[in-house]
N, C-alpha and C. Protein backbone atom coordinates (compact mmCIF):
# COMPACT_ATOMS: atom_id res chain seq x y z
N MET A 1 11.73 -34.12 27.48
CA MET A 1 11.51 -34.28 25.74
C MET A 1 9.54 -33.75 25.84
N ARG A 2 8.97 -33.27 26.81
CA ARG A 2 7.48 -32.71 26.44
C ARG A 2 7.89 -31.30 26.50
N LEU A 3 8.31 -30.81 27.49
CA LEU A 3 8.80 -29.63 27.65
C LEU A 3 9.37 -28.74 26.73
N ARG A 4 10.39 -29.80 25.71
CA ARG A 4 10.94 -29.45 24.54
C ARG A 4 10.00 -29.02 23.58
N SER A 5 9.13 -29.85 23.41
CA SER A 5 7.59 -29.70 22.19
C SER A 5 6.79 -28.41 22.55
N ILE A 6 6.75 -27.89 23.68
CA ILE A 6 6.62 -26.85 24.05
C ILE A 6 7.08 -25.35 23.52
N ILE A 7 8.35 -26.03 24.48
CA ILE A 7 9.81 -24.12 24.58
C ILE A 7 9.91 -24.00 22.74
N LEU A 8 9.83 -25.17 21.90
CA LEU A 8 10.43 -24.88 20.42
C LEU A 8 9.24 -23.98 19.81
N PRO A 9 8.06 -24.47 19.34
CA PRO A 9 6.69 -23.68 19.03
C PRO A 9 7.18 -22.12 19.56
N ALA A 10 6.87 -21.91 20.94
CA ALA A 10 6.97 -20.57 21.36
C ALA A 10 7.84 -20.15 21.32
N LEU A 11 9.14 -20.44 20.72
CA LEU A 11 10.04 -19.58 20.72
C LEU A 11 10.14 -19.26 19.13
N ALA A 12 9.65 -20.26 18.68
CA ALA A 12 9.71 -19.38 16.55
C ALA A 12 8.17 -18.76 16.49
N ALA A 13 7.22 -19.06 17.92
CA ALA A 13 6.10 -17.84 17.08
C ALA A 13 6.85 -16.33 17.71
N LEU A 14 7.84 -16.73 19.09
CA LEU A 14 8.06 -15.28 19.54
C LEU A 14 9.07 -14.68 18.24
N SER A 15 10.17 -15.45 17.71
CA SER A 15 10.85 -15.04 16.27
C SER A 15 10.18 -14.30 15.59
N ALA A 16 8.90 -14.85 14.94
CA ALA A 16 8.02 -14.43 14.17
C ALA A 16 7.42 -12.76 14.74
N LEU A 17 6.99 -13.19 15.66
CA LEU A 17 6.76 -11.56 16.74
C LEU A 17 8.08 -10.13 16.21
N SER A 18 9.22 -10.89 16.64
CA SER A 18 10.29 -9.85 16.46
C SER A 18 10.39 -9.25 15.14
N VAL A 19 10.40 -10.60 14.16
CA VAL A 19 10.41 -9.64 12.69
C VAL A 19 9.44 -8.89 12.07
N GLU A 20 8.31 -9.06 12.99
CA GLU A 20 7.38 -8.41 12.82
C GLU A 20 7.69 -6.61 13.65
N CYS A 21 7.83 -6.84 14.64
CA CYS A 21 7.73 -5.41 15.24
C CYS A 21 8.87 -5.26 14.86
N ARG A 22 10.15 -5.23 14.16
CA ARG A 22 11.24 -5.01 13.46
C ARG A 22 10.89 -4.16 12.49
N ALA A 23 9.73 -4.36 11.93
CA ALA A 23 9.46 -3.65 10.28
C ALA A 23 8.83 -2.80 10.86
N GLN A 24 8.20 -2.94 12.38
CA GLN A 24 7.09 -1.33 12.18
C GLN A 24 7.74 -0.61 13.13
N GLU A 25 9.20 -1.00 13.67
CA GLU A 25 9.94 0.40 14.09
C GLU A 25 10.64 0.86 13.43
N SER A 26 11.40 0.14 11.99
CA SER A 26 11.95 0.65 10.83
C SER A 26 11.55 1.55 9.97
N ALA A 27 9.59 1.76 10.36
CA ALA A 27 9.42 2.49 9.29
C ALA A 27 8.34 3.32 10.47
N PRO A 28 8.18 4.53 10.41
CA PRO A 28 7.34 5.42 11.00
C PRO A 28 5.61 5.43 10.90
N TYR A 29 5.13 5.43 11.52
CA TYR A 29 3.61 5.64 11.16
C TYR A 29 3.56 6.52 10.71
N VAL A 30 2.99 6.68 9.24
CA VAL A 30 2.30 7.72 8.55
C VAL A 30 0.78 7.35 7.78
N ASP A 31 0.08 7.87 8.51
CA ASP A 31 -1.64 8.30 7.94
C ASP A 31 -2.21 8.89 7.22
N ASP A 32 -1.50 9.90 6.11
CA ASP A 32 -1.79 11.08 5.17
C ASP A 32 -3.02 10.77 4.38
N ARG A 33 -4.16 11.12 4.52
CA ARG A 33 -5.06 11.21 3.17
C ARG A 33 -5.10 12.49 2.99
N SER A 34 -3.96 13.88 3.08
CA SER A 34 -4.59 14.95 2.50
C SER A 34 -4.59 14.83 1.16
N ASP A 35 -4.04 14.08 0.33
CA ASP A 35 -3.94 14.11 -1.16
C ASP A 35 -3.65 12.72 -1.78
N GLY A 36 -4.07 12.69 -3.08
CA GLY A 36 -3.96 11.21 -3.56
C GLY A 36 -2.70 10.57 -3.18
N ALA A 37 -1.51 11.05 -3.39
CA ALA A 37 -0.03 10.94 -3.37
C ALA A 37 0.29 10.27 -1.99
N ALA A 38 -0.18 11.48 -1.46
CA ALA A 38 -0.07 11.32 0.23
C ALA A 38 -0.75 9.93 0.79
N LEU A 39 -1.87 9.72 0.17
CA LEU A 39 -2.36 8.42 0.47
C LEU A 39 -1.62 7.04 -0.13
N VAL A 40 -1.54 7.49 -1.10
CA VAL A 40 -0.47 5.69 -1.45
C VAL A 40 0.78 5.92 -0.99
N ARG A 41 1.13 7.08 -0.18
CA ARG A 41 2.36 6.71 0.38
C ARG A 41 2.33 5.83 1.34
N SER A 42 0.86 6.92 2.41
CA SER A 42 0.27 5.70 3.63
C SER A 42 0.09 4.15 3.10
N LEU A 43 -0.14 3.70 2.48
CA LEU A 43 -0.32 2.76 1.98
C LEU A 43 0.62 1.80 1.77
N TYR A 44 1.72 2.06 1.51
CA TYR A 44 2.97 1.83 1.48
C TYR A 44 3.77 1.70 2.26
N ASN A 45 3.47 2.85 3.54
CA ASN A 45 3.54 2.99 4.84
C ASN A 45 3.50 1.36 5.56
N ALA A 46 1.85 1.28 5.37
CA ALA A 46 1.23 0.17 5.87
C ALA A 46 1.78 -1.27 5.83
N ILE A 47 2.37 -1.12 4.27
CA ILE A 47 2.64 -2.90 3.93
C ILE A 47 4.49 -3.03 4.58
N ASN A 48 4.90 -1.70 4.22
CA ASN A 48 6.31 -1.86 4.83
C ASN A 48 6.51 -2.30 6.58
N ARG A 49 5.10 -2.19 7.30
CA ARG A 49 5.03 -1.76 8.33
C ARG A 49 4.42 -3.17 8.97
N LYS A 50 3.66 -4.46 7.89
CA LYS A 50 3.06 -5.41 8.07
C LYS A 50 1.40 -5.24 8.47
N GLU A 51 1.03 -3.93 8.43
CA GLU A 51 -0.46 -3.34 8.47
C GLU A 51 -0.93 -3.19 7.67
N TYR A 52 -1.26 -4.87 7.55
CA TYR A 52 -2.08 -5.00 5.80
C TYR A 52 -3.94 -4.64 6.16
N ALA A 53 -4.08 -4.21 7.51
CA ALA A 53 -5.98 -4.52 7.44
C ALA A 53 -6.09 -2.61 6.96
N ARG A 54 -4.68 -2.17 7.77
CA ARG A 54 -4.47 -0.63 7.99
C ARG A 54 -4.62 -0.40 6.15
N ALA A 55 -3.78 -1.25 5.32
CA ALA A 55 -3.56 -1.00 4.09
C ALA A 55 -4.34 -1.12 3.45
N TYR A 56 -5.38 -2.37 3.77
CA TYR A 56 -6.96 -2.67 2.90
C TYR A 56 -7.58 -1.30 2.39
N ALA A 57 -7.74 -0.83 4.26
CA ALA A 57 -9.06 -0.41 4.69
C ALA A 57 -8.40 1.69 3.57
N TYR A 58 -7.62 1.51 3.20
CA TYR A 58 -7.17 2.80 2.05
C TYR A 58 -8.07 2.50 0.95
N PHE A 59 -8.20 1.45 0.75
CA PHE A 59 -9.46 1.27 -0.36
C PHE A 59 -11.10 1.63 -0.57
N GLY A 60 -10.92 2.14 -1.63
CA GLY A 60 -12.42 2.08 -1.69
C GLY A 60 -13.89 0.70 -1.55
N GLU A 61 -14.82 1.16 -1.46
CA GLU A 61 -15.78 0.13 -1.40
C GLU A 61 -15.85 -0.81 -2.92
N LYS A 62 -15.34 -0.04 -3.43
CA LYS A 62 -15.73 -1.42 -4.58
C LYS A 62 -14.15 -2.66 -4.24
N GLU A 63 -13.66 -2.50 -3.46
CA GLU A 63 -12.65 -2.98 -3.35
C GLU A 63 -11.71 -3.70 -4.56
N PRO A 64 -11.26 -2.47 -5.00
CA PRO A 64 -10.50 -3.04 -6.50
C PRO A 64 -9.38 -4.20 -5.86
N VAL A 65 -8.91 -4.89 -5.08
CA VAL A 65 -7.45 -5.48 -4.81
C VAL A 65 -9.01 -7.02 -4.15
N GLY A 66 -10.01 -6.97 -4.80
CA GLY A 66 -10.16 -8.26 -3.48
C GLY A 66 -10.62 -8.61 -2.64
N GLU A 67 -10.53 -9.73 -1.93
CA GLU A 67 -11.22 -10.20 -0.30
C GLU A 67 -9.78 -10.05 -0.02
N PHE A 68 -10.11 -9.26 1.54
CA PHE A 68 -8.62 -8.89 2.61
C PHE A 68 -7.61 -9.91 2.72
N LYS A 69 -8.35 -10.91 2.68
CA LYS A 69 -7.14 -12.52 3.52
C LYS A 69 -6.16 -12.68 1.52
N ALA A 70 -6.87 -12.26 0.56
CA ALA A 70 -5.88 -12.98 -0.80
C ALA A 70 -5.01 -11.33 -0.64
N PHE A 71 -5.36 -10.56 -0.17
CA PHE A 71 -4.72 -8.80 -0.81
C PHE A 71 -3.23 -9.27 0.20
N ALA A 72 -3.08 -9.32 1.56
CA ALA A 72 -2.66 -9.66 2.80
C ALA A 72 -1.76 -10.77 2.34
N ASP A 73 -2.22 -12.17 1.67
CA ASP A 73 -1.52 -13.02 1.28
C ASP A 73 -0.38 -12.90 0.08
N GLY A 74 -0.80 -11.88 -0.59
CA GLY A 74 0.23 -11.40 -1.92
C GLY A 74 1.27 -10.68 -0.88
N TYR A 75 1.41 -10.50 -0.13
CA TYR A 75 2.44 -9.49 0.60
C TYR A 75 3.02 -10.67 1.49
N ALA A 76 3.05 -11.77 1.38
CA ALA A 76 3.71 -12.76 2.25
C ALA A 76 5.31 -13.15 2.46
N LYS A 77 5.77 -12.93 0.97
CA LYS A 77 7.58 -12.79 1.20
C LYS A 77 7.61 -11.80 1.18
N THR A 78 7.21 -10.63 1.18
CA THR A 78 7.86 -9.28 1.16
C THR A 78 8.38 -8.74 2.00
N GLU A 79 9.67 -8.44 1.97
CA GLU A 79 10.27 -7.70 2.96
C GLU A 79 9.99 -6.21 3.08
N SER A 80 10.23 -5.55 2.24
CA SER A 80 10.40 -4.40 2.03
C SER A 80 9.65 -3.62 0.79
N VAL A 81 9.04 -2.53 0.71
CA VAL A 81 8.67 -2.55 -0.61
C VAL A 81 9.26 -0.36 -0.56
N GLU A 82 9.67 -0.17 -1.76
CA GLU A 82 10.21 1.27 -1.64
C GLU A 82 8.80 1.98 -3.01
N ILE A 83 8.79 3.26 -2.81
CA ILE A 83 7.79 3.88 -3.72
C ILE A 83 8.12 4.97 -4.42
N ARG A 84 8.35 5.27 -5.74
CA ARG A 84 8.33 6.43 -6.36
C ARG A 84 6.87 7.01 -7.03
N ILE A 85 6.75 8.17 -6.87
CA ILE A 85 5.51 8.51 -7.34
C ILE A 85 6.08 9.92 -8.50
N GLY A 86 5.52 9.92 -9.15
CA GLY A 86 5.53 10.39 -10.61
C GLY A 86 4.71 10.98 -10.92
N LYS A 87 4.28 12.42 -12.16
CA LYS A 87 3.58 13.84 -11.57
C LYS A 87 2.16 13.60 -11.43
N VAL A 88 1.36 13.67 -10.35
CA VAL A 88 -0.01 13.67 -9.77
C VAL A 88 -0.68 14.76 -10.70
N THR A 89 -1.70 13.73 -11.47
CA THR A 89 -2.68 15.09 -11.84
C THR A 89 -3.88 14.85 -11.22
N THR A 90 -4.23 15.48 -11.21
CA THR A 90 -6.05 16.13 -10.13
C THR A 90 -7.14 16.83 -10.85
N GLU A 91 -7.97 16.17 -10.87
CA GLU A 91 -9.59 16.96 -11.39
C GLU A 91 -10.78 16.77 -11.19
N GLY A 92 -12.03 17.66 -10.84
CA GLY A 92 -12.89 17.51 -10.42
C GLY A 92 -14.16 17.18 -10.77
N ALA A 93 -15.18 16.28 -11.02
CA ALA A 93 -15.56 15.19 -11.73
C ALA A 93 -17.13 14.97 -10.63
N ALA A 94 -18.49 15.84 -10.87
CA ALA A 94 -19.92 15.33 -10.11
C ALA A 94 -19.26 15.28 -8.69
N GLY A 95 -18.87 16.70 -8.41
CA GLY A 95 -18.82 16.52 -7.04
C GLY A 95 -17.98 15.85 -6.18
N SER A 96 -16.52 14.93 -6.88
CA SER A 96 -15.88 14.46 -6.78
C SER A 96 -14.30 15.38 -6.90
N ILE A 97 -13.11 14.38 -6.37
CA ILE A 97 -12.13 15.18 -6.53
C ILE A 97 -11.08 13.69 -6.88
N TYR A 98 -10.97 13.61 -8.27
CA TYR A 98 -9.45 12.36 -8.27
C TYR A 98 -8.79 12.84 -8.53
N SER A 99 -7.65 11.64 -8.47
CA SER A 99 -6.33 11.94 -8.73
C SER A 99 -5.65 11.18 -9.20
N ALA A 100 -5.19 11.02 -10.09
CA ALA A 100 -4.25 9.78 -10.70
C ALA A 100 -2.74 9.96 -10.08
N VAL A 101 -2.36 8.73 -10.06
CA VAL A 101 -1.32 8.55 -9.29
C VAL A 101 -0.40 7.67 -9.79
N PRO A 102 0.73 8.33 -10.84
CA PRO A 102 1.94 7.26 -11.28
C PRO A 102 2.89 6.82 -10.41
N VAL A 103 2.74 5.17 -10.26
CA VAL A 103 3.94 4.74 -9.04
C VAL A 103 5.17 3.97 -10.02
N ALA A 104 6.10 4.01 -9.51
CA ALA A 104 6.55 2.99 -9.58
C ALA A 104 6.97 2.10 -7.87
N ILE A 105 6.96 0.88 -7.96
CA ILE A 105 7.68 0.32 -6.76
C ILE A 105 8.41 -0.91 -6.82
N ARG A 106 9.56 -0.86 -5.71
CA ARG A 106 10.78 -1.83 -5.79
C ARG A 106 10.53 -2.67 -4.40
N SER A 107 10.14 -3.97 -5.05
CA SER A 107 9.86 -4.94 -3.99
C SER A 107 11.07 -6.08 -3.37
N VAL A 108 10.55 -6.13 -2.43
CA VAL A 108 12.61 -7.08 -1.70
C VAL A 108 11.69 -7.99 -1.17
N GLU A 109 12.06 -9.33 -1.50
CA GLU A 109 11.37 -10.94 -0.84
C GLU A 109 12.15 -10.74 0.18
N ARG A 110 11.36 -11.99 0.49
CA ARG A 110 12.33 -12.45 2.18
C ARG A 110 13.50 -13.32 1.34
N GLU A 111 13.66 -13.83 0.62
CA GLU A 111 14.58 -14.79 -0.62
C GLU A 111 16.03 -13.71 -1.22
N GLY A 112 15.53 -12.43 -1.02
CA GLY A 112 16.55 -11.47 -1.19
C GLY A 112 16.02 -11.22 -2.91
N LYS A 113 15.04 -11.49 -3.39
CA LYS A 113 14.86 -11.19 -4.82
C LYS A 113 14.07 -10.09 -5.02
N ILE A 114 14.82 -9.18 -6.04
CA ILE A 114 13.86 -7.48 -6.05
C ILE A 114 13.26 -7.50 -7.44
N ARG A 115 11.72 -7.32 -6.96
CA ARG A 115 10.90 -7.18 -8.35
C ARG A 115 11.15 -5.41 -7.96
N PHE A 116 10.47 -4.90 -9.82
CA PHE A 116 9.70 -3.51 -10.03
C PHE A 116 8.58 -3.55 -10.70
N PHE A 117 7.02 -2.75 -10.15
CA PHE A 117 6.60 -2.99 -10.15
C PHE A 117 6.07 -1.44 -11.26
N SER A 118 5.25 -1.19 -12.06
CA SER A 118 4.96 0.34 -12.73
C SER A 118 3.20 0.12 -12.97
N GLY A 119 2.71 1.26 -12.74
CA GLY A 119 1.20 1.48 -12.85
C GLY A 119 0.38 3.12 -11.78
N CYS A 120 -0.57 3.14 -12.01
CA CYS A 120 -1.28 4.00 -12.06
C CYS A 120 -2.36 3.31 -10.67
N TYR A 121 -2.47 4.69 -9.44
CA TYR A 121 -3.81 4.26 -8.53
C TYR A 121 -4.51 5.84 -8.60
N VAL A 122 -5.80 5.73 -8.70
CA VAL A 122 -6.55 6.67 -8.79
C VAL A 122 -7.42 6.79 -7.18
N THR A 123 -7.19 8.09 -7.18
CA THR A 123 -7.47 8.47 -5.76
C THR A 123 -9.06 8.73 -5.73
N ARG A 124 -10.06 9.26 -4.47
CA ARG A 124 -11.06 9.79 -5.31
C ARG A 124 -11.54 10.32 -3.51
N ILE A 125 -12.13 12.05 -3.69
CA ILE A 125 -12.47 11.77 -2.16
C ILE A 125 -13.91 13.21 -3.02
N ILE A 126 -15.05 12.65 -2.04
CA ILE A 126 -15.97 13.68 -2.62
C ILE A 126 -16.17 14.92 -2.08
N ASN A 127 -16.10 15.75 -2.61
CA ASN A 127 -15.38 17.45 -2.76
C ASN A 127 -16.32 17.41 -0.35
N PRO A 128 -14.97 18.24 -0.07
CA PRO A 128 -15.39 17.63 1.17
C PRO A 128 -15.96 19.19 1.72
N SER A 129 -16.31 19.95 0.91
CA SER A 129 -17.43 20.95 0.96
C SER A 129 -18.81 20.29 1.30
N LEU A 130 -19.24 19.14 0.44
CA LEU A 130 -20.25 18.80 0.17
C LEU A 130 -20.32 17.34 0.74
N GLN A 131 -19.56 16.85 1.78
CA GLN A 131 -20.21 16.17 2.69
C GLN A 131 -20.51 16.17 4.27
N VAL A 132 -21.30 15.36 4.13
CA VAL A 132 -22.18 15.03 5.48
C VAL A 132 -21.66 14.60 6.74
N PRO A 133 -21.37 13.95 7.80
CA PRO A 133 -20.71 13.25 8.54
C PRO A 133 -21.59 11.69 8.85
N PRO A 134 -20.80 10.95 8.60
CA PRO A 134 -19.38 11.02 8.66
C PRO A 134 -18.36 11.42 7.84
N PHE A 135 -17.33 12.15 8.01
CA PHE A 135 -16.63 12.36 6.73
C PHE A 135 -15.78 11.24 6.23
N ALA A 136 -15.49 11.23 4.83
CA ALA A 136 -15.14 10.03 4.44
C ALA A 136 -13.24 10.86 3.44
N PRO A 137 -12.70 10.38 3.86
CA PRO A 137 -11.44 10.80 3.63
C PRO A 137 -11.23 10.63 2.20
N TYR A 138 -9.84 11.13 1.24
CA TYR A 138 -9.49 9.73 0.24
C TYR A 138 -9.38 8.63 0.51
N GLN A 139 -10.15 7.59 -1.03
CA GLN A 139 -10.15 6.55 -0.94
C GLN A 139 -9.44 6.10 -1.60
N ILE A 140 -8.83 5.26 -1.95
CA ILE A 140 -8.10 4.59 -3.56
C ILE A 140 -9.30 3.89 -4.47
N GLU A 141 -9.87 4.46 -5.41
CA GLU A 141 -10.66 4.27 -6.23
C GLU A 141 -10.64 2.72 -7.40
N THR A 142 -9.27 2.47 -7.99
CA THR A 142 -8.48 1.88 -8.78
C THR A 142 -7.36 1.70 -8.49
N ALA A 143 -6.65 0.61 -8.82
CA ALA A 143 -5.29 0.23 -8.88
C ALA A 143 -4.65 -0.99 -9.94
N ARG A 144 -4.15 -0.27 -10.60
CA ARG A 144 -3.31 -1.28 -11.95
C ARG A 144 -1.94 -1.30 -11.80
N LEU A 145 -1.61 -2.39 -10.97
CA LEU A 145 0.24 -2.38 -11.50
C LEU A 145 0.51 -3.76 -12.53
N ASP A 146 1.51 -3.37 -13.19
CA ASP A 146 2.21 -4.47 -13.52
C ASP A 146 3.83 -4.89 -13.31
N ASP A 147 4.01 -6.06 -13.57
CA ASP A 147 5.91 -6.11 -13.87
C ASP A 147 6.42 -5.05 -14.39
N ALA A 148 7.59 -5.00 -13.89
CA ALA A 148 8.33 -3.36 -14.99
C ALA A 148 10.05 -4.17 -15.09
N GLU A 149 10.71 -3.29 -15.12
CA GLU A 149 11.94 -3.66 -15.48
C GLU A 149 12.61 -2.47 -14.40
N GLY A 150 13.53 -2.70 -13.68
CA GLY A 150 14.62 -1.21 -12.56
C GLY A 150 15.49 -0.74 -13.57
N PRO A 151 15.59 0.56 -13.35
CA PRO A 151 15.72 0.93 -11.96
C PRO A 151 14.44 1.73 -11.92
N ILE A 152 14.04 1.78 -10.16
CA ILE A 152 12.81 1.71 -9.75
C ILE A 152 12.59 3.58 -10.44
N GLU A 153 13.47 4.60 -10.89
CA GLU A 153 13.45 5.89 -11.17
C GLU A 153 12.94 5.70 -13.15
N LYS A 154 13.64 4.83 -13.68
CA LYS A 154 12.51 4.44 -15.04
C LYS A 154 11.32 3.49 -15.20
N ALA A 155 11.30 3.10 -14.11
CA ALA A 155 9.43 2.25 -14.02
C ALA A 155 8.38 3.02 -13.79
N ILE A 156 8.32 4.47 -13.19
CA ILE A 156 7.44 5.35 -13.67
C ILE A 156 6.89 5.75 -14.83
N PRO A 157 5.30 5.16 -14.58
CA PRO A 157 4.84 6.15 -15.83
C PRO A 157 4.98 7.10 -15.77
N GLY A 158 4.70 7.76 -17.58
CA GLY A 158 4.88 9.17 -17.68
C GLY A 158 3.31 9.55 -17.28
N VAL A 159 2.46 8.93 -17.39
CA VAL A 159 1.39 9.80 -17.28
C VAL A 159 0.22 8.77 -17.24
N CYS A 160 -0.92 8.91 -16.09
CA CYS A 160 -1.70 8.50 -15.73
C CYS A 160 -3.05 9.28 -15.86
N ASN A 161 -4.27 8.11 -16.13
CA ASN A 161 -5.74 9.10 -16.44
C ASN A 161 -6.59 9.08 -15.45
N ALA A 162 -7.01 9.88 -14.95
CA ALA A 162 -7.87 9.91 -13.40
C ALA A 162 -9.42 9.40 -14.75
N PRO A 163 -10.43 9.61 -14.28
CA PRO A 163 -11.83 9.00 -14.56
C PRO A 163 -12.25 10.73 -15.26
C-alpha cells in the first residue's frame, strides 16, 4: 500500500512532463527578434512550447501583461495557439523604431474549446546604430487583445497604430 502511494504520484508527474515534452517536440524552437512580426511569432512559439518564461521575456520593462505568475497562469488551460498576422506598419520616432502588429489568435483549450482573439501588439527597438552594449533587441511595448469571432482569417484587425 505504501509503495502504491509513492508510485501513483510519480507516474502522474511523469505524465505531466510527457505532455510538456510533446508540446515542445511538435513546435520547433523559434526565437527571431529581427522585426516586430517575427517577435510576435516567437512569442506564440514560446506559448505553444509551454515556455512561459521565454514568452514573458519578450515584453519590455513596462510589463504590459502584469506579473509573470498571472501571465503563465493565463495559459493554464491552453493546449495550442495559432497566429495570423495582418499588415504591419513600422515607423521611427525619437531614436526608436516601432512596429504595429495586427494579430488574430485561435486558441485551443484542454477541453477542446476553441476561442478567437483579435488585437494589436506594438513592438519597439532602439535604433540599432544608436545602441551601446548591452544590445537590446525588439521588445513588445503594448499588447491589446479582445475576444473575437472566428474564423481566424476574419479576426485580423484592418489596422493597428504605432505610438
